[in-house]
Amino acid sequence: MPRFNVMENYLVPRHSIMKEEEVEELLKRYRIDRIQLPQILTADPCAKALGAQPGMVLKIERESPTAGASIYYRLVVDERTGI
Protein backbone atom coordinates (compact mmCIF):
# COMPACT_ATOMS: atom_id res chain seq x y z
CA MET A 1 0.00 0.00 0.00
CA PRO A 2 1.54 3.35 -1.04
CA ARG A 3 2.16 5.86 1.73
CA PHE A 4 0.81 9.40 1.58
CA ASN A 5 3.49 12.12 1.62
CA VAL A 6 2.00 15.01 3.58
CA MET A 7 4.71 17.40 2.32
CA GLU A 8 3.44 17.08 -1.25
CA ASN A 9 -0.08 18.27 -0.41
CA TYR A 10 -0.79 21.76 -1.74
CA LEU A 11 -2.50 22.76 1.52
CA VAL A 12 0.60 22.06 3.64
CA PRO A 13 2.92 25.07 3.95
CA ARG A 14 6.64 24.65 3.28
CA HIS A 15 8.47 23.31 6.35
CA SER A 16 12.25 23.22 6.70
CA ILE A 17 14.73 22.52 9.48
CA MET A 18 16.80 25.59 10.32
CA LYS A 19 20.58 25.46 10.65
CA GLU A 20 21.94 26.18 14.12
CA GLU A 21 23.52 29.47 12.94
CA GLU A 22 20.13 30.63 11.64
CA VAL A 23 18.47 29.69 14.95
CA GLU A 24 21.04 31.65 16.96
CA GLU A 25 20.49 34.71 14.73
CA LEU A 26 16.71 34.39 15.12
CA LEU A 27 16.93 34.15 18.92
CA LYS A 28 19.30 37.10 19.06
CA ARG A 29 17.10 39.22 16.78
CA TYR A 30 13.99 38.65 18.92
CA ARG A 31 15.91 38.54 22.23
CA ILE A 32 14.33 35.27 23.29
CA ASP A 33 15.41 31.84 24.46
CA ARG A 34 14.77 28.74 22.38
CA ILE A 35 12.17 27.48 24.87
CA GLN A 36 10.09 30.65 24.27
CA LEU A 37 9.34 29.65 20.67
CA PRO A 38 5.95 28.08 19.90
CA GLN A 39 6.21 24.30 19.83
CA ILE A 40 5.53 21.50 17.39
CA LEU A 41 5.48 17.85 18.42
CA THR A 42 7.76 15.20 16.96
CA ALA A 43 4.52 13.31 16.23
CA ASP A 44 3.35 16.06 13.84
CA PRO A 45 3.19 14.62 10.30
CA CYS A 46 5.43 17.35 8.85
CA ALA A 47 8.01 16.99 11.63
CA LYS A 48 8.01 13.23 11.06
CA ALA A 49 8.41 13.66 7.29
CA LEU A 50 11.46 15.91 7.85
CA GLY A 51 12.95 13.64 10.50
CA ALA A 52 12.95 16.51 13.01
CA GLN A 53 14.38 15.77 16.45
CA PRO A 54 13.61 17.49 19.78
CA GLY A 55 15.48 20.78 20.09
CA MET A 56 15.47 21.53 16.36
CA VAL A 57 13.65 24.59 15.04
CA LEU A 58 11.36 24.42 12.01
CA LYS A 59 10.74 27.33 9.68
CA ILE A 60 7.22 27.31 8.24
CA GLU A 61 6.49 29.50 5.21
CA ARG A 62 2.82 30.13 4.49
CA GLU A 63 1.48 31.82 1.38
CA SER A 64 -1.64 33.99 1.56
CA PRO A 65 -3.43 35.80 -1.27
CA THR A 66 -4.11 38.74 1.05
CA ALA A 67 -1.07 38.87 3.36
CA GLY A 68 1.57 37.55 0.96
CA ALA A 69 4.14 35.32 2.61
CA SER A 70 4.39 34.80 6.38
CA ILE A 71 7.06 32.93 8.27
CA TYR A 72 6.54 31.03 11.51
CA TYR A 73 9.04 29.25 13.72
CA ARG A 74 8.40 26.18 15.87
CA LEU A 75 10.58 24.38 18.40
CA VAL A 76 10.37 20.61 18.01
CA VAL A 77 9.49 18.87 21.28
CA ASP A 78 8.94 15.21 22.19
CA GLU A 79 5.25 14.36 22.56
CA ARG A 80 5.92 12.25 25.66
CA THR A 81 8.16 14.58 27.64
CA GLY A 82 7.29 17.98 26.18
CA ILE A 83 11.02 18.77 25.91
PDB file of N, CA and C in Angstrom:
ATOM      1  N   MET A   1       0.846  -1.186   0.000  1.00  0.00           N
ATOM      2  CA  MET A   1       0.000   0.000   0.000  1.00  0.00           C
ATOM      3  C   MET A   1       0.890   1.249   0.000  1.00  0.00           C
ATOM      4  N   PRO A   2       0.708   2.144  -0.974  1.00  0.00           N
ATOM      5  CA  PRO A   2       1.545   3.352  -1.044  1.00  0.00           C
ATOM      6  C   PRO A   2       1.241   4.284   0.133  1.00  0.00           C
ATOM      7  N   ARG A   3       2.299   4.923   0.621  1.00  0.00           N
ATOM      8  CA  ARG A   3       2.158   5.863   1.735  1.00  0.00           C
ATOM      9  C   ARG A   3       1.895   7.252   1.193  1.00  0.00           C
ATOM     10  N   PHE A   4       1.125   8.023   1.934  1.00  0.00           N
ATOM     11  CA  PHE A   4       0.807   9.396   1.580  1.00  0.00           C
ATOM     12  C   PHE A   4       1.917  10.309   2.076  1.00  0.00           C
ATOM     13  N   ASN A   5       2.465  11.166   1.217  1.00  0.00           N
ATOM     14  CA  ASN A   5       3.495  12.122   1.617  1.00  0.00           C
ATOM     15  C   ASN A   5       2.824  13.460   1.893  1.00  0.00           C
ATOM     16  N   VAL A   6       2.696  13.788   3.167  1.00  0.00           N
ATOM     17  CA  VAL A   6       2.000  15.008   3.580  1.00  0.00           C
ATOM     18  C   VAL A   6       2.671  16.262   3.017  1.00  0.00           C
ATOM     19  N   MET A   7       3.983  16.223   2.800  1.00  0.00           N
ATOM     20  CA  MET A   7       4.707  17.402   2.323  1.00  0.00           C
ATOM     21  C   MET A   7       4.377  17.749   0.870  1.00  0.00           C
ATOM     22  N   GLU A   8       3.787  16.822   0.138  1.00  0.00           N
ATOM     23  CA  GLU A   8       3.439  17.084  -1.250  1.00  0.00           C
ATOM     24  C   GLU A   8       2.039  17.663  -1.417  1.00  0.00           C
ATOM     25  N   ASN A   9       1.279  17.735  -0.338  1.00  0.00           N
ATOM     26  CA  ASN A   9      -0.079  18.274  -0.411  1.00  0.00           C
ATOM     27  C   ASN A   9      -0.024  19.789  -0.569  1.00  0.00           C
ATOM     28  N   TYR A  10      -0.821  20.335  -1.468  1.00  0.00           N
ATOM     29  CA  TYR A  10      -0.789  21.764  -1.742  1.00  0.00           C
ATOM     30  C   TYR A  10      -1.294  22.609  -0.568  1.00  0.00           C
ATOM     31  N   LEU A  11      -2.003  22.017   0.356  1.00  0.00           N
ATOM     32  CA  LEU A  11      -2.502  22.759   1.517  1.00  0.00           C
ATOM     33  C   LEU A  11      -1.480  22.842   2.659  1.00  0.00           C
ATOM     34  N   VAL A  12      -0.416  22.070   2.580  1.00  0.00           N
ATOM     35  CA  VAL A  12       0.604  22.056   3.637  1.00  0.00           C
ATOM     36  C   VAL A  12       1.663  23.103   3.302  1.00  0.00           C
ATOM     37  N   PRO A  13       1.891  24.061   4.215  1.00  0.00           N
ATOM     38  CA  PRO A  13       2.917  25.073   3.949  1.00  0.00           C
ATOM     39  C   PRO A  13       4.316  24.448   3.950  1.00  0.00           C
ATOM     40  N   ARG A  14       5.269  25.146   3.372  1.00  0.00           N
ATOM     41  CA  ARG A  14       6.645  24.652   3.283  1.00  0.00           C
ATOM     42  C   ARG A  14       7.270  24.629   4.679  1.00  0.00           C
ATOM     43  N   HIS A  15       7.777  23.486   5.079  1.00  0.00           N
ATOM     44  CA  HIS A  15       8.467  23.311   6.354  1.00  0.00           C
ATOM     45  C   HIS A  15       9.930  23.003   6.054  1.00  0.00           C
ATOM     46  N   SER A  16      10.837  23.550   6.852  1.00  0.00           N
ATOM     47  CA  SER A  16      12.252  23.216   6.703  1.00  0.00           C
ATOM     48  C   SER A  16      12.925  23.297   8.065  1.00  0.00           C
ATOM     49  N   ILE A  17      13.964  22.497   8.242  1.00  0.00           N
ATOM     50  CA  ILE A  17      14.735  22.516   9.477  1.00  0.00           C
ATOM     51  C   ILE A  17      15.784  23.614   9.351  1.00  0.00           C
ATOM     52  N   MET A  18      15.840  24.488  10.346  1.00  0.00           N
ATOM     53  CA  MET A  18      16.796  25.593  10.322  1.00  0.00           C
ATOM     54  C   MET A  18      18.177  25.121  10.773  1.00  0.00           C
ATOM     55  N   LYS A  19      19.216  25.715  10.207  1.00  0.00           N
ATOM     56  CA  LYS A  19      20.579  25.460  10.649  1.00  0.00           C
ATOM     57  C   LYS A  19      20.785  26.156  11.994  1.00  0.00           C
ATOM     58  N   GLU A  20      21.704  25.643  12.778  1.00  0.00           N
ATOM     59  CA  GLU A  20      21.942  26.182  14.118  1.00  0.00           C
ATOM     60  C   GLU A  20      22.351  27.660  14.073  1.00  0.00           C
ATOM     61  N   GLU A  21      23.113  28.067  13.068  1.00  0.00           N
ATOM     62  CA  GLU A  21      23.520  29.465  12.939  1.00  0.00           C
ATOM     63  C   GLU A  21      22.297  30.360  12.718  1.00  0.00           C
ATOM     64  N   GLU A  22      21.353  29.876  11.900  1.00  0.00           N
ATOM     65  CA  GLU A  22      20.126  30.633  11.644  1.00  0.00           C
ATOM     66  C   GLU A  22      19.282  30.752  12.911  1.00  0.00           C
ATOM     67  N   VAL A  23      19.241  29.682  13.698  1.00  0.00           N
ATOM     68  CA  VAL A  23      18.467  29.691  14.946  1.00  0.00           C
ATOM     69  C   VAL A  23      19.058  30.708  15.908  1.00  0.00           C
ATOM     70  N   GLU A  24      20.385  30.710  16.050  1.00  0.00           N
ATOM     71  CA  GLU A  24      21.041  31.654  16.961  1.00  0.00           C
ATOM     72  C   GLU A  24      20.756  33.096  16.551  1.00  0.00           C
ATOM     73  N   GLU A  25      20.790  33.361  15.238  1.00  0.00           N
ATOM     74  CA  GLU A  25      20.494  34.707  14.726  1.00  0.00           C
ATOM     75  C   GLU A  25      19.039  35.090  15.022  1.00  0.00           C
ATOM     76  N   LEU A  26      18.126  34.155  14.838  1.00  0.00           N
ATOM     77  CA  LEU A  26      16.710  34.387  15.117  1.00  0.00           C
ATOM     78  C   LEU A  26      16.490  34.721  16.594  1.00  0.00           C
ATOM     79  N   LEU A  27      17.087  33.928  17.477  1.00  0.00           N
ATOM     80  CA  LEU A  27      16.934  34.149  18.918  1.00  0.00           C
ATOM     81  C   LEU A  27      17.534  35.477  19.343  1.00  0.00           C
ATOM     82  N   LYS A  28      18.660  35.827  18.751  1.00  0.00           N
ATOM     83  CA  LYS A  28      19.303  37.104  19.064  1.00  0.00           C
ATOM     84  C   LYS A  28      18.449  38.275  18.579  1.00  0.00           C
ATOM     85  N   ARG A  29      17.906  38.146  17.361  1.00  0.00           N
ATOM     86  CA  ARG A  29      17.095  39.223  16.778  1.00  0.00           C
ATOM     87  C   ARG A  29      15.861  39.518  17.636  1.00  0.00           C
ATOM     88  N   TYR A  30      15.203  38.461  18.129  1.00  0.00           N
ATOM     89  CA  TYR A  30      13.986  38.654  18.915  1.00  0.00           C
ATOM     90  C   TYR A  30      14.241  38.691  20.426  1.00  0.00           C
ATOM     91  N   ARG A  31      15.514  38.518  20.822  1.00  0.00           N
ATOM     92  CA  ARG A  31      15.907  38.542  22.230  1.00  0.00           C
ATOM     93  C   ARG A  31      15.081  37.564  23.061  1.00  0.00           C
ATOM     94  N   ILE A  32      15.077  36.323  22.605  1.00  0.00           N
ATOM     95  CA  ILE A  32      14.325  35.275  23.295  1.00  0.00           C
ATOM     96  C   ILE A  32      15.210  34.046  23.469  1.00  0.00           C
ATOM     97  N   ASP A  33      14.762  33.136  24.312  1.00  0.00           N
ATOM     98  CA  ASP A  33      15.409  31.837  24.464  1.00  0.00           C
ATOM     99  C   ASP A  33      14.679  30.838  23.574  1.00  0.00           C
ATOM    100  N   ARG A  34      15.350  29.775  23.239  1.00  0.00           N
ATOM    101  CA  ARG A  34      14.771  28.737  22.378  1.00  0.00           C
ATOM    102  C   ARG A  34      13.434  28.223  22.922  1.00  0.00           C
ATOM    103  N   ILE A  35      13.368  28.051  24.246  1.00  0.00           N
ATOM    104  CA  ILE A  35      12.168  27.482  24.872  1.00  0.00           C
ATOM    105  C   ILE A  35      10.958  28.423  24.752  1.00  0.00           C
ATOM    106  N   GLN A  36      11.181  29.691  24.419  1.00  0.00           N
ATOM    107  CA  GLN A  36      10.087  30.650  24.273  1.00  0.00           C
ATOM    108  C   GLN A  36       9.404  30.586  22.905  1.00  0.00           C
ATOM    109  N   LEU A  37       9.965  29.813  21.990  1.00  0.00           N
ATOM    110  CA  LEU A  37       9.337  29.653  20.671  1.00  0.00           C
ATOM    111  C   LEU A  37       8.088  28.789  20.800  1.00  0.00           C
ATOM    112  N   PRO A  38       7.097  29.007  19.937  1.00  0.00           N
ATOM    113  CA  PRO A  38       5.954  28.084  19.898  1.00  0.00           C
ATOM    114  C   PRO A  38       6.472  26.683  19.571  1.00  0.00           C
ATOM    115  N   GLN A  39       5.724  25.672  19.969  1.00  0.00           N
ATOM    116  CA  GLN A  39       6.208  24.302  19.834  1.00  0.00           C
ATOM    117  C   GLN A  39       5.445  23.500  18.782  1.00  0.00           C
ATOM    118  N   ILE A  40       6.125  22.476  18.288  1.00  0.00           N
ATOM    119  CA  ILE A  40       5.525  21.496  17.394  1.00  0.00           C
ATOM    120  C   ILE A  40       6.008  20.131  17.876  1.00  0.00           C
ATOM    121  N   LEU A  41       5.131  19.176  17.915  1.00  0.00           N
ATOM    122  CA  LEU A  41       5.479  17.848  18.420  1.00  0.00           C
ATOM    123  C   LEU A  41       6.233  17.015  17.382  1.00  0.00           C
ATOM    124  N   THR A  42       7.067  16.121  17.868  1.00  0.00           N
ATOM    125  CA  THR A  42       7.761  15.202  16.960  1.00  0.00           C
ATOM    126  C   THR A  42       6.762  14.292  16.255  1.00  0.00           C
ATOM    127  N   ALA A  43       5.565  14.146  16.833  1.00  0.00           N
ATOM    128  CA  ALA A  43       4.522  13.311  16.230  1.00  0.00           C
ATOM    129  C   ALA A  43       3.774  14.026  15.107  1.00  0.00           C
ATOM    130  N   ASP A  44       3.993  15.321  14.922  1.00  0.00           N
ATOM    131  CA  ASP A  44       3.345  16.064  13.843  1.00  0.00           C
ATOM    132  C   ASP A  44       3.771  15.453  12.506  1.00  0.00           C
ATOM    133  N   PRO A  45       2.844  15.248  11.581  1.00  0.00           N
ATOM    134  CA  PRO A  45       3.189  14.616  10.299  1.00  0.00           C
ATOM    135  C   PRO A  45       4.317  15.315   9.542  1.00  0.00           C
ATOM    136  N   CYS A  46       4.357  16.638   9.565  1.00  0.00           N
ATOM    137  CA  CYS A  46       5.428  17.351   8.855  1.00  0.00           C
ATOM    138  C   CYS A  46       6.773  17.165   9.559  1.00  0.00           C
ATOM    139  N   ALA A  47       6.773  17.204  10.879  1.00  0.00           N
ATOM    140  CA  ALA A  47       8.014  16.988  11.633  1.00  0.00           C
ATOM    141  C   ALA A  47       8.527  15.576  11.388  1.00  0.00           C
ATOM    142  N   LYS A  48       7.618  14.616  11.349  1.00  0.00           N
ATOM    143  CA  LYS A  48       8.013  13.230  11.059  1.00  0.00           C
ATOM    144  C   LYS A  48       8.605  13.112   9.662  1.00  0.00           C
ATOM    145  N   ALA A  49       7.953  13.748   8.683  1.00  0.00           N
ATOM    146  CA  ALA A  49       8.414  13.660   7.294  1.00  0.00           C
ATOM    147  C   ALA A  49       9.812  14.245   7.134  1.00  0.00           C
ATOM    148  N   LEU A  50      10.137  15.281   7.926  1.00  0.00           N
ATOM    149  CA  LEU A  50      11.457  15.908   7.851  1.00  0.00           C
ATOM    150  C   LEU A  50      12.496  15.190   8.709  1.00  0.00           C
ATOM    151  N   GLY A  51      12.032  14.310   9.588  1.00  0.00           N
ATOM    152  CA  GLY A  51      12.953  13.637  10.503  1.00  0.00           C
ATOM    153  C   GLY A  51      13.426  14.565  11.609  1.00  0.00           C
ATOM    154  N   ALA A  52      12.585  15.523  11.993  1.00  0.00           N
ATOM    155  CA  ALA A  52      12.950  16.508  13.014  1.00  0.00           C
ATOM    156  C   ALA A  52      13.079  15.862  14.389  1.00  0.00           C
ATOM    157  N   GLN A  53      14.104  16.277  15.120  1.00  0.00           N
ATOM    158  CA  GLN A  53      14.377  15.769  16.452  1.00  0.00           C
ATOM    159  C   GLN A  53      14.115  16.866  17.482  1.00  0.00           C
ATOM    160  N   PRO A  54      13.822  16.485  18.728  1.00  0.00           N
ATOM    161  CA  PRO A  54      13.606  17.491  19.782  1.00  0.00           C
ATOM    162  C   PRO A  54      14.787  18.458  19.871  1.00  0.00           C
ATOM    163  N   GLY A  55      14.461  19.737  20.012  1.00  0.00           N
ATOM    164  CA  GLY A  55      15.482  20.780  20.088  1.00  0.00           C
ATOM    165  C   GLY A  55      15.716  21.499  18.773  1.00  0.00           C
ATOM    166  N   MET A  56      15.334  20.879  17.660  1.00  0.00           N
ATOM    167  CA  MET A  56      15.467  21.530  16.355  1.00  0.00           C
ATOM    168  C   MET A  56      14.390  22.599  16.211  1.00  0.00           C
ATOM    169  N   VAL A  57      14.627  23.549  15.311  1.00  0.00           N
ATOM    170  CA  VAL A  57      13.647  24.594  15.039  1.00  0.00           C
ATOM    171  C   VAL A  57      13.219  24.476  13.582  1.00  0.00           C
ATOM    172  N   LEU A  58      11.906  24.478  13.368  1.00  0.00           N
ATOM    173  CA  LEU A  58      11.356  24.423  12.015  1.00  0.00           C
ATOM    174  C   LEU A  58      10.940  25.817  11.567  1.00  0.00           C
ATOM    175  N   LYS A  59      11.189  26.098  10.305  1.00  0.00           N
ATOM    176  CA  LYS A  59      10.742  27.332   9.676  1.00  0.00           C
ATOM    177  C   LYS A  59       9.565  26.954   8.793  1.00  0.00           C
ATOM    178  N   ILE A  60       8.433  27.617   8.996  1.00  0.00           N
ATOM    179  CA  ILE A  60       7.220  27.311   8.241  1.00  0.00           C
ATOM    180  C   ILE A  60       6.848  28.548   7.434  1.00  0.00           C
ATOM    181  N   GLU A  61       6.790  28.381   6.119  1.00  0.00           N
ATOM    182  CA  GLU A  61       6.491  29.495   5.213  1.00  0.00           C
ATOM    183  C   GLU A  61       5.104  29.308   4.627  1.00  0.00           C
ATOM    184  N   ARG A  62       4.199  30.207   4.973  1.00  0.00           N
ATOM    185  CA  ARG A  62       2.818  30.134   4.491  1.00  0.00           C
ATOM    186  C   ARG A  62       2.562  31.234   3.472  1.00  0.00           C
ATOM    187  N   GLU A  63       1.867  30.862   2.418  1.00  0.00           N
ATOM    188  CA  GLU A  63       1.478  31.822   1.380  1.00  0.00           C
ATOM    189  C   GLU A  63       0.023  32.215   1.590  1.00  0.00           C
ATOM    190  N   SER A  64      -0.275  33.496   1.409  1.00  0.00           N
ATOM    191  CA  SER A  64      -1.640  33.986   1.563  1.00  0.00           C
ATOM    192  C   SER A  64      -1.933  34.975   0.444  1.00  0.00           C
ATOM    193  N   PRO A  65      -3.103  34.859  -0.189  1.00  0.00           N
ATOM    194  CA  PRO A  65      -3.428  35.801  -1.267  1.00  0.00           C
ATOM    195  C   PRO A  65      -3.577  37.228  -0.749  1.00  0.00           C
ATOM    196  N   THR A  66      -3.920  37.403   0.515  1.00  0.00           N
ATOM    197  CA  THR A  66      -4.114  38.744   1.054  1.00  0.00           C
ATOM    198  C   THR A  66      -2.891  39.275   1.799  1.00  0.00           C
ATOM    199  N   ALA A  67      -2.204  38.418   2.540  1.00  0.00           N
ATOM    200  CA  ALA A  67      -1.073  38.873   3.357  1.00  0.00           C
ATOM    201  C   ALA A  67       0.275  38.617   2.700  1.00  0.00           C
ATOM    202  N   GLY A  68       0.296  37.909   1.584  1.00  0.00           N
ATOM    203  CA  GLY A  68       1.569  37.548   0.960  1.00  0.00           C
ATOM    204  C   GLY A  68       2.178  36.363   1.679  1.00  0.00           C
ATOM    205  N   ALA A  69       3.459  36.424   1.938  1.00  0.00           N
ATOM    206  CA  ALA A  69       4.139  35.320   2.613  1.00  0.00           C
ATOM    207  C   ALA A  69       4.317  35.641   4.093  1.00  0.00           C
ATOM    208  N   SER A  70       4.123  34.653   4.948  1.00  0.00           N
ATOM    209  CA  SER A  70       4.390  34.803   6.378  1.00  0.00           C
ATOM    210  C   SER A  70       5.259  33.645   6.833  1.00  0.00           C
ATOM    211  N   ILE A  71       6.142  33.937   7.763  1.00  0.00           N
ATOM    212  CA  ILE A  71       7.065  32.928   8.265  1.00  0.00           C
ATOM    213  C   ILE A  71       6.803  32.705   9.745  1.00  0.00           C
ATOM    214  N   TYR A  72       6.764  31.439  10.130  1.00  0.00           N
ATOM    215  CA  TYR A  72       6.543  31.033  11.512  1.00  0.00           C
ATOM    216  C   TYR A  72       7.680  30.116  11.916  1.00  0.00           C
ATOM    217  N   TYR A  73       7.979  30.102  13.196  1.00  0.00           N
ATOM    218  CA  TYR A  73       9.044  29.245  13.716  1.00  0.00           C
ATOM    219  C   TYR A  73       8.472  28.375  14.821  1.00  0.00           C
ATOM    220  N   ARG A  74       8.890  27.112  14.865  1.00  0.00           N
ATOM    221  CA  ARG A  74       8.397  26.176  15.874  1.00  0.00           C
ATOM    222  C   ARG A  74       9.566  25.355  16.420  1.00  0.00           C
ATOM    223  N   LEU A  75       9.602  25.224  17.734  1.00  0.00           N
ATOM    224  CA  LEU A  75      10.582  24.380  18.403  1.00  0.00           C
ATOM    225  C   LEU A  75      10.030  22.963  18.450  1.00  0.00           C
ATOM    226  N   VAL A  76      10.804  21.999  18.009  1.00  0.00           N
ATOM    227  CA  VAL A  76      10.371  20.606  18.012  1.00  0.00           C
ATOM    228  C   VAL A  76      10.547  20.036  19.420  1.00  0.00           C
ATOM    229  N   VAL A  77       9.448  19.470  19.961  1.00  0.00           N
ATOM    230  CA  VAL A  77       9.487  18.867  21.285  1.00  0.00           C
ATOM    231  C   VAL A  77       8.942  17.437  21.210  1.00  0.00           C
ATOM    232  N   ASP A  78       9.402  16.604  22.117  1.00  0.00           N
ATOM    233  CA  ASP A  78       8.941  15.213  22.194  1.00  0.00           C
ATOM    234  C   ASP A  78       7.528  15.184  22.744  1.00  0.00           C
ATOM    235  N   GLU A  79       6.661  14.404  22.131  1.00  0.00           N
ATOM    236  CA  GLU A  79       5.255  14.361  22.557  1.00  0.00           C
ATOM    237  C   GLU A  79       5.091  13.730  23.942  1.00  0.00           C
ATOM    238  N   ARG A  80       6.031  12.916  24.352  1.00  0.00           N
ATOM    239  CA  ARG A  80       5.918  12.250  25.661  1.00  0.00           C
ATOM    240  C   ARG A  80       6.429  13.121  26.794  1.00  0.00           C
ATOM    241  N   THR A  81       7.549  13.804  26.563  1.00  0.00           N
ATOM    242  CA  THR A  81       8.156  14.583  27.640  1.00  0.00           C
ATOM    243  C   THR A  81       7.864  16.076  27.553  1.00  0.00           C
ATOM    244  N   GLY A  82       7.524  16.551  26.357  1.00  0.00           N
ATOM    245  CA  GLY A  82       7.286  17.976  26.183  1.00  0.00           C
ATOM    246  C   GLY A  82       8.574  18.773  26.092  1.00  0.00           C
ATOM    247  N   ILE A  83       9.715  18.080  25.980  1.00  0.00           N
ATOM    248  CA  ILE A  83      11.019  18.770  25.906  1.00  0.00           C
ATOM    249  C   ILE A  83      11.677  18.440  24.591  1.00  0.00           C
TER     250      ILE A  83
END
